[in-house]
N, C-alpha and C. Protein backbone atom coordinates (compact mmCIF):
# COMPACT_ATOMS: atom_id res chain seq x y z
N MET A 1 25.17 -9.18 6.66
CA MET A 1 24.19 -8.47 5.63
C MET A 1 23.28 -9.84 5.33
N ALA A 2 21.79 -9.55 5.17
CA ALA A 2 20.97 -10.36 4.11
C ALA A 2 20.86 -10.11 3.24
N LYS A 3 20.91 -10.48 1.88
CA LYS A 3 20.79 -10.72 0.89
C LYS A 3 19.32 -10.75 0.35
N LEU A 4 18.64 -10.56 -0.08
CA LEU A 4 16.61 -10.82 -0.19
C LEU A 4 16.46 -9.91 -1.28
N ILE A 5 14.94 -10.78 -1.58
CA ILE A 5 14.28 -10.28 -2.86
C ILE A 5 13.00 -9.86 -2.09
N LEU A 6 12.80 -8.21 -2.71
CA LEU A 6 11.85 -8.05 -2.51
C LEU A 6 10.19 -8.06 -3.12
N THR A 7 9.42 -8.80 -2.08
CA THR A 7 8.32 -9.38 -2.67
C THR A 7 7.06 -8.57 -2.80
N HIS A 8 7.29 -7.52 -2.37
CA HIS A 8 6.18 -6.53 -1.91
C HIS A 8 7.03 -4.92 -1.99
N GLU A 9 6.72 -3.79 -2.60
CA GLU A 9 7.25 -2.62 -2.53
C GLU A 9 7.08 -2.35 -1.20
N VAL A 10 8.60 -1.64 -0.07
CA VAL A 10 8.98 -1.33 0.83
C VAL A 10 9.35 0.02 1.01
N THR A 11 8.56 1.21 1.46
CA THR A 11 8.62 2.56 1.33
C THR A 11 10.49 2.08 1.91
N GLY A 12 11.16 3.10 1.14
CA GLY A 12 12.88 3.38 1.23
C GLY A 12 13.88 2.24 1.18
N LEU A 13 13.20 1.18 0.69
CA LEU A 13 13.92 -0.26 0.29
C LEU A 13 14.17 -0.07 -1.11
N GLY A 14 12.58 -0.29 -1.68
CA GLY A 14 12.69 -0.61 -3.24
C GLY A 14 11.24 -1.01 -3.44
N ALA A 15 10.80 -1.63 -4.64
CA ALA A 15 10.21 -1.94 -5.37
C ALA A 15 9.99 -3.68 -5.24
N ALA A 16 8.96 -4.60 -5.88
CA ALA A 16 8.90 -5.64 -5.79
C ALA A 16 9.83 -6.53 -7.02
N GLY A 17 11.04 -7.30 -6.52
CA GLY A 17 11.62 -7.30 -7.51
C GLY A 17 12.75 -7.38 -7.37
N ASP A 18 13.27 -6.31 -6.45
CA ASP A 18 14.44 -5.62 -6.40
C ASP A 18 15.32 -6.89 -5.71
N VAL A 19 16.79 -6.80 -5.73
CA VAL A 19 17.63 -7.85 -4.55
C VAL A 19 18.33 -6.63 -3.74
N ILE A 20 18.13 -6.87 -2.84
CA ILE A 20 18.87 -5.97 -1.89
C ILE A 20 19.46 -6.27 -0.83
N GLU A 21 20.09 -5.92 0.19
CA GLU A 21 21.25 -6.05 1.28
C GLU A 21 20.65 -5.32 2.36
N VAL A 22 20.52 -5.92 3.28
CA VAL A 22 20.19 -5.28 4.71
C VAL A 22 20.47 -6.13 5.92
N LYS A 23 20.87 -5.42 6.88
CA LYS A 23 20.86 -6.03 8.34
C LYS A 23 20.41 -6.93 8.25
N ASP A 24 21.07 -8.00 9.52
CA ASP A 24 20.23 -9.58 9.53
C ASP A 24 19.01 -9.39 10.47
N GLY A 25 19.34 -8.73 11.16
CA GLY A 25 18.23 -8.44 12.46
C GLY A 25 16.91 -7.88 11.82
N TYR A 26 17.03 -6.36 10.80
CA TYR A 26 15.92 -6.58 10.24
C TYR A 26 14.80 -7.59 9.04
N ALA A 27 15.82 -8.12 8.46
CA ALA A 27 15.29 -9.20 7.52
C ALA A 27 14.63 -10.05 8.48
N ARG A 28 15.37 -10.73 9.00
CA ARG A 28 15.07 -11.55 10.08
C ARG A 28 13.58 -11.22 11.24
N ASN A 29 13.64 -10.03 11.38
CA ASN A 29 12.54 -9.37 12.41
C ASN A 29 11.45 -8.99 12.14
N PHE A 30 11.62 -8.54 10.36
CA PHE A 30 10.32 -7.68 10.01
C PHE A 30 10.37 -8.08 8.39
N LEU A 31 11.26 -7.82 7.56
CA LEU A 31 11.09 -8.33 6.55
C LEU A 31 10.08 -9.79 5.69
N LEU A 32 11.07 -10.68 6.45
CA LEU A 32 10.73 -11.82 6.27
C LEU A 32 9.86 -12.43 6.67
N PRO A 33 9.28 -12.78 8.32
CA PRO A 33 8.10 -12.55 8.79
C PRO A 33 6.64 -11.95 8.61
N ARG A 34 6.79 -11.04 7.88
CA ARG A 34 5.94 -10.05 7.18
C ARG A 34 5.48 -10.76 5.50
N GLY A 35 6.35 -11.09 5.46
CA GLY A 35 6.45 -11.86 4.07
C GLY A 35 6.99 -10.65 2.48
N PHE A 36 6.99 -9.43 3.41
CA PHE A 36 7.81 -8.49 2.21
C PHE A 36 9.11 -8.90 1.39
N ALA A 37 9.85 -10.29 1.87
CA ALA A 37 11.03 -10.30 1.15
C ALA A 37 10.95 -12.12 1.33
N LEU A 38 11.99 -12.74 -0.22
CA LEU A 38 12.05 -14.05 0.27
C LEU A 38 13.97 -13.77 0.21
N THR A 39 14.62 -15.13 0.81
CA THR A 39 15.84 -15.00 0.96
C THR A 39 16.82 -15.31 -0.42
N TRP A 40 17.36 -14.43 -0.39
CA TRP A 40 18.17 -14.58 -1.97
C TRP A 40 19.17 -15.83 -2.25
N THR A 41 18.31 -16.63 -3.03
CA THR A 41 19.24 -18.03 -3.49
C THR A 41 19.22 -17.65 -5.09
N LYS A 42 20.06 -18.98 -5.75
CA LYS A 42 20.38 -18.85 -7.49
C LYS A 42 18.97 -19.04 -7.82
N GLY A 43 17.85 -20.01 -7.15
CA GLY A 43 16.86 -20.64 -7.55
C GLY A 43 15.76 -19.03 -7.45
N GLY A 44 15.90 -18.55 -6.71
CA GLY A 44 15.06 -17.33 -6.39
C GLY A 44 15.37 -16.48 -7.41
N GLU A 45 16.54 -16.08 -7.85
CA GLU A 45 16.89 -15.29 -8.48
C GLU A 45 15.35 -15.32 -9.55
N LYS A 46 14.91 -16.77 -10.19
CA LYS A 46 14.71 -16.72 -11.67
C LYS A 46 13.54 -16.08 -11.22
N GLN A 47 12.72 -16.05 -9.97
CA GLN A 47 11.46 -15.64 -9.21
C GLN A 47 11.39 -13.77 -9.26
N VAL A 48 12.44 -13.73 -9.70
CA VAL A 48 13.04 -12.25 -9.89
C VAL A 48 11.77 -11.29 -11.15
N GLU A 49 12.19 -12.34 -12.27
CA GLU A 49 11.31 -11.77 -13.54
C GLU A 49 9.87 -12.03 -13.27
N SER A 50 9.37 -13.04 -12.62
CA SER A 50 7.72 -13.31 -12.52
C SER A 50 7.21 -11.78 -11.59
N ILE A 51 8.17 -11.78 -10.71
CA ILE A 51 7.72 -11.10 -9.65
C ILE A 51 8.01 -9.31 -9.95
N LYS A 52 8.59 -8.95 -11.33
CA LYS A 52 8.44 -7.98 -12.02
C LYS A 52 7.44 -8.16 -12.85
N ALA A 53 7.33 -8.89 -13.43
CA ALA A 53 6.06 -9.24 -14.41
C ALA A 53 4.66 -8.99 -13.82
N ALA A 54 4.40 -9.49 -12.69
CA ALA A 54 3.23 -9.27 -11.89
C ALA A 54 2.91 -7.48 -11.30
N ARG A 55 4.13 -7.04 -11.07
CA ARG A 55 3.98 -5.95 -10.62
C ARG A 55 4.09 -4.85 -11.87
N ALA A 56 4.50 -5.21 -12.85
CA ALA A 56 4.12 -4.14 -14.45
C ALA A 56 2.63 -4.40 -14.61
N ALA A 57 2.22 -5.55 -14.46
CA ALA A 57 0.31 -5.57 -15.11
C ALA A 57 -0.18 -5.13 -14.09
N ARG A 58 0.29 -5.08 -12.72
CA ARG A 58 -0.56 -3.76 -11.40
C ARG A 58 -0.75 -2.80 -12.21
N GLU A 59 0.71 -2.19 -12.49
CA GLU A 59 0.96 -0.94 -12.21
C GLU A 59 0.21 -0.30 -13.45
N HIS A 60 0.03 1.02 -13.13
CA HIS A 60 -0.81 1.74 -14.23
C HIS A 60 -0.12 2.14 -15.47
N ALA A 61 -0.24 1.60 -16.93
CA ALA A 61 0.05 1.62 -17.91
C ALA A 61 0.81 2.89 -18.39
N SER A 62 0.23 4.01 -18.15
CA SER A 62 1.55 5.14 -18.06
C SER A 62 1.40 5.96 -16.98
N LEU A 63 2.66 7.21 -17.10
CA LEU A 63 2.68 7.83 -15.92
C LEU A 63 1.21 9.05 -16.12
N GLU A 64 0.70 9.39 -17.15
CA GLU A 64 -0.76 10.26 -17.52
C GLU A 64 -1.49 9.91 -16.96
N ASP A 65 -1.77 8.24 -16.87
CA ASP A 65 -3.18 7.70 -16.31
C ASP A 65 -2.84 7.54 -14.33
N ALA A 66 -1.82 7.55 -14.17
CA ALA A 66 -1.37 7.77 -12.96
C ALA A 66 -1.59 9.22 -12.35
N GLN A 67 -1.51 10.10 -13.09
CA GLN A 67 -1.33 11.35 -12.99
C GLN A 67 -3.03 12.19 -12.87
N LYS A 68 -4.00 11.55 -13.93
CA LYS A 68 -5.26 11.52 -13.51
C LYS A 68 -5.84 10.82 -12.47
N GLN A 69 -5.31 9.79 -12.12
CA GLN A 69 -6.22 9.42 -11.28
C GLN A 69 -5.78 9.57 -9.80
N ALA A 70 -4.20 9.95 -9.70
CA ALA A 70 -3.86 10.92 -8.75
C ALA A 70 -4.75 12.52 -8.57
N ALA A 71 -4.77 13.19 -9.24
CA ALA A 71 -5.59 14.52 -9.07
C ALA A 71 -7.76 14.41 -9.36
N ALA A 72 -7.77 13.16 -9.14
CA ALA A 72 -9.23 12.74 -8.75
C ALA A 72 -8.88 12.15 -7.59
N LEU A 73 -8.21 11.55 -7.04
CA LEU A 73 -8.04 11.36 -5.31
C LEU A 73 -8.05 12.44 -4.59
N SER A 74 -7.46 13.25 -4.89
CA SER A 74 -6.83 14.24 -3.84
C SER A 74 -7.92 15.11 -4.06
N ALA A 75 -8.98 15.34 -5.35
CA ALA A 75 -9.77 16.48 -5.39
C ALA A 75 -10.62 15.91 -4.29
N LYS A 76 -11.09 14.77 -4.25
CA LYS A 76 -12.89 14.55 -3.96
C LYS A 76 -12.47 13.50 -2.43
N PRO A 77 -13.19 14.06 -0.65
CA PRO A 77 -12.56 13.10 0.06
C PRO A 77 -13.43 11.60 -0.12
N VAL A 78 -12.55 10.93 0.73
CA VAL A 78 -13.43 9.36 0.27
C VAL A 78 -14.62 9.38 1.96
N THR A 79 -15.50 8.80 1.70
CA THR A 79 -15.86 8.43 3.16
C THR A 79 -15.96 7.07 3.46
N LEU A 80 -15.71 6.82 4.86
CA LEU A 80 -15.36 5.02 5.10
C LEU A 80 -16.20 5.32 6.36
N THR A 81 -17.43 4.11 6.27
CA THR A 81 -18.32 4.20 7.24
C THR A 81 -17.86 2.57 7.93
N VAL A 82 -17.39 2.43 9.23
CA VAL A 82 -16.98 1.68 10.21
C VAL A 82 -17.73 1.30 11.54
N LYS A 83 -18.12 0.15 11.86
CA LYS A 83 -18.25 0.16 13.23
C LYS A 83 -17.68 0.45 14.06
N ALA A 84 -18.55 1.12 14.71
CA ALA A 84 -18.01 2.27 16.23
C ALA A 84 -18.77 2.21 17.39
N GLY A 85 -17.99 2.51 18.59
CA GLY A 85 -19.13 2.37 19.80
C GLY A 85 -19.32 4.04 19.67
N GLU A 86 -20.06 4.24 21.26
CA GLU A 86 -20.70 5.63 21.09
C GLU A 86 -19.96 6.65 21.51
N SER A 87 -18.57 6.36 21.79
CA SER A 87 -17.62 7.25 22.53
C SER A 87 -16.80 7.60 21.05
N GLY A 88 -17.23 6.94 19.97
CA GLY A 88 -16.58 6.94 18.68
C GLY A 88 -15.26 6.32 18.43
N ARG A 89 -14.84 5.64 19.03
CA ARG A 89 -13.68 4.34 19.05
C ARG A 89 -14.31 3.23 18.25
N LEU A 90 -13.17 2.94 17.48
CA LEU A 90 -13.62 1.50 16.26
C LEU A 90 -13.51 0.52 17.11
N PHE A 91 -14.36 -0.33 16.45
CA PHE A 91 -14.19 -1.97 16.62
C PHE A 91 -13.21 -2.33 15.80
N GLY A 92 -11.70 -2.28 16.27
CA GLY A 92 -10.70 -2.92 15.46
C GLY A 92 -10.22 -1.34 14.51
N THR A 93 -9.44 -1.70 13.99
CA THR A 93 -9.00 -0.49 13.23
C THR A 93 -9.32 -0.35 11.43
N VAL A 94 -9.00 0.64 10.51
CA VAL A 94 -8.88 0.57 9.62
C VAL A 94 -7.83 0.56 8.32
N LYS A 95 -7.65 -0.74 7.48
CA LYS A 95 -7.02 -1.44 7.02
C LYS A 95 -6.57 -0.41 5.83
N PRO A 96 -5.44 -0.79 4.92
CA PRO A 96 -5.10 -0.73 3.56
C PRO A 96 -6.54 -0.87 2.40
N ALA A 97 -6.99 -2.32 2.81
CA ALA A 97 -8.03 -2.94 2.16
C ALA A 97 -9.26 -2.43 1.99
N ASP A 98 -9.49 -1.44 3.10
CA ASP A 98 -10.72 -0.95 3.65
C ASP A 98 -10.54 0.49 2.65
N VAL A 99 -9.37 0.82 2.58
CA VAL A 99 -9.26 2.60 1.98
C VAL A 99 -9.46 2.08 0.81
N ALA A 100 -8.48 1.06 -0.09
CA ALA A 100 -9.05 0.47 -1.18
C ALA A 100 -10.34 0.45 -1.75
N ALA A 101 -11.41 -0.49 -1.15
CA ALA A 101 -12.83 -0.66 -1.59
C ALA A 101 -13.51 0.57 -1.27
N ALA A 102 -13.17 1.33 -0.47
CA ALA A 102 -13.58 2.80 -0.26
C ALA A 102 -13.74 3.30 -1.33
N VAL A 103 -12.52 3.48 -1.96
CA VAL A 103 -12.08 4.42 -3.16
C VAL A 103 -12.98 3.67 -4.34
N GLU A 104 -12.66 2.52 -4.42
CA GLU A 104 -13.57 1.77 -5.50
C GLU A 104 -15.07 2.70 -5.17
N ALA A 105 -15.70 1.88 -4.19
CA ALA A 105 -17.03 2.39 -3.60
C ALA A 105 -17.48 3.99 -4.50
N ALA A 106 -16.61 4.42 -3.99
CA ALA A 106 -17.05 6.18 -4.16
C ALA A 106 -16.56 6.88 -5.82
N GLY A 107 -16.11 5.59 -6.38
CA GLY A 107 -16.15 5.31 -8.23
C GLY A 107 -14.86 6.46 -8.42
N LEU A 108 -14.36 6.35 -7.95
CA LEU A 108 -12.64 6.92 -8.00
C LEU A 108 -11.59 6.10 -8.79
N GLY A 109 -11.87 4.98 -9.62
CA GLY A 109 -11.07 4.01 -9.78
C GLY A 109 -10.63 2.76 -9.17
N THR A 110 -10.09 1.95 -9.48
CA THR A 110 -9.52 1.04 -8.37
C THR A 110 -8.05 1.17 -7.95
N ILE A 111 -7.26 0.84 -6.79
CA ILE A 111 -6.17 0.78 -6.40
C ILE A 111 -5.63 -0.54 -5.60
N ASP A 112 -4.38 -0.74 -6.27
CA ASP A 112 -4.51 -1.67 -5.33
C ASP A 112 -3.76 -1.46 -3.63
N LYS A 113 -4.36 -2.61 -2.46
CA LYS A 113 -4.14 -2.43 -1.39
C LYS A 113 -2.90 -2.30 -1.09
N ARG A 114 -2.12 -2.81 -1.56
CA ARG A 114 -0.86 -2.78 -1.50
C ARG A 114 0.25 -1.28 -1.37
N LYS A 115 -0.73 -0.60 -2.30
CA LYS A 115 -0.10 0.68 -2.44
C LYS A 115 -0.55 1.70 -1.10
N VAL A 116 -1.49 1.72 -0.50
CA VAL A 116 -1.97 2.75 0.09
C VAL A 116 -1.22 2.59 1.06
N GLU A 117 -0.96 3.41 1.94
CA GLU A 117 0.54 3.78 3.44
C GLU A 117 -0.70 4.27 4.09
N LEU A 118 -1.10 3.75 5.69
CA LEU A 118 -1.45 4.44 6.45
C LEU A 118 -0.71 5.21 7.15
N PRO A 119 -0.38 6.36 7.51
CA PRO A 119 0.50 7.05 8.18
C PRO A 119 0.46 6.71 10.17
N THR A 120 -1.03 6.75 10.38
CA THR A 120 -1.07 6.36 11.50
C THR A 120 -2.29 4.86 11.63
N HIS A 121 -2.27 4.42 12.50
CA HIS A 121 -3.44 3.53 13.18
C HIS A 121 -4.61 4.12 13.29
N ILE A 122 -5.75 4.01 12.61
CA ILE A 122 -6.72 4.67 12.80
C ILE A 122 -7.80 4.03 13.20
N LYS A 123 -8.10 4.52 14.47
CA LYS A 123 -8.69 3.80 15.34
C LYS A 123 -9.90 4.69 16.09
N SER A 124 -10.28 5.73 15.81
CA SER A 124 -11.61 6.55 15.86
C SER A 124 -12.22 7.45 14.48
N VAL A 125 -13.33 7.20 15.07
CA VAL A 125 -13.92 8.69 13.78
C VAL A 125 -13.13 9.82 14.03
N GLY A 126 -13.25 10.35 12.64
CA GLY A 126 -12.74 11.50 12.12
C GLY A 126 -12.34 11.67 10.76
N SER A 127 -11.20 12.75 10.87
CA SER A 127 -11.01 12.91 9.71
C SER A 127 -9.08 12.53 9.34
N PHE A 128 -9.24 11.85 8.40
CA PHE A 128 -7.17 11.32 8.33
C PHE A 128 -6.88 11.47 6.78
N GLN A 129 -5.88 11.26 6.51
CA GLN A 129 -5.38 10.97 5.26
C GLN A 129 -4.55 9.74 5.09
N ALA A 130 -4.38 9.37 4.00
CA ALA A 130 -4.03 8.17 3.28
C ALA A 130 -3.06 8.77 2.26
N ASN A 131 -1.85 7.83 1.88
CA ASN A 131 -1.19 7.91 1.00
C ASN A 131 -0.98 6.87 -0.01
N VAL A 132 -1.00 7.29 -1.58
CA VAL A 132 -0.95 5.90 -2.24
C VAL A 132 -0.45 6.02 -3.23
N ARG A 133 0.63 5.16 -3.61
CA ARG A 133 1.69 4.66 -4.54
C ARG A 133 1.15 4.64 -5.47
N LEU A 134 0.68 5.45 -6.50
CA LEU A 134 0.10 4.98 -7.69
C LEU A 134 1.14 4.74 -9.19
N HIS A 135 2.19 5.12 -9.01
CA HIS A 135 3.62 5.19 -9.73
C HIS A 135 4.66 5.31 -9.25
N ASP A 136 5.64 4.96 -9.98
CA ASP A 136 7.08 5.45 -9.56
C ASP A 136 7.28 6.48 -9.13
N ASP A 137 6.13 7.41 -9.87
CA ASP A 137 7.00 9.18 -9.78
C ASP A 137 5.59 9.59 -9.14
N VAL A 138 4.73 9.01 -9.27
CA VAL A 138 3.38 9.52 -8.64
C VAL A 138 3.03 8.91 -7.42
N ALA A 139 2.24 10.11 -6.63
CA ALA A 139 1.97 9.36 -5.19
C ALA A 139 0.72 10.61 -4.88
N ALA A 140 -0.52 9.96 -4.06
CA ALA A 140 -1.18 11.32 -4.09
C ALA A 140 -2.00 10.65 -2.65
N VAL A 141 -2.66 12.20 -2.09
CA VAL A 141 -2.94 12.00 -1.04
C VAL A 141 -4.43 11.44 -0.69
N ILE A 142 -4.77 10.82 -0.04
CA ILE A 142 -6.34 10.57 0.03
C ILE A 142 -7.10 11.15 1.41
N ASP A 143 -8.09 12.07 0.71
CA ASP A 143 -8.72 12.27 2.28
C ASP A 143 -10.06 11.67 2.63
N LEU A 144 -9.58 10.89 4.48
CA LEU A 144 -10.58 9.93 4.83
C LEU A 144 -11.51 10.58 5.90
N ASN A 145 -12.76 10.47 5.59
CA ASN A 145 -14.05 10.94 6.14
C ASN A 145 -14.26 9.42 7.23
N VAL A 146 -14.03 9.17 8.18
CA VAL A 146 -13.99 7.79 8.93
C VAL A 146 -15.32 7.94 9.74
N VAL A 147 -16.79 7.38 9.50
CA VAL A 147 -17.83 8.12 9.91
C VAL A 147 -18.39 6.15 10.72
N ALA A 148 -18.87 6.46 11.92
CA ALA A 148 -19.96 5.24 12.41
C ALA A 148 -20.42 5.00 11.69
N SER A 149 -21.34 3.50 11.70
CA SER A 149 -21.98 3.23 11.14
C SER A 149 -23.69 3.16 11.71
């Protein structure tokens, strides 16, 4: 078992700054290469406080604010304009940063791209859904309309 410090929120494991124990292969092949975690050391334990402070600064100030933004995000679909071929297939894929930028452009507030979860790879035009974790207790579902430019 490997002892790690999470640097990003990982669904099912914990939030940034949490100290976790996972199997060696999961740590070596997934969490560490993607930068989701750091190896736990006594010196690294000091980083936990700074990671938690940065996480607190990014989160909503209150549960009510997060619930208001979740209601706004769920009420209105977001249109995302991307380059696509004639068959409707995208040149690339839609990334969480693209979703965050589209939400901001639609006037629905700002969201952290690290909080956006895409259930599937979006590689064609159409209607899709994305999940956003706004607070520990609040998640919103965004309806995405992917259209060709």
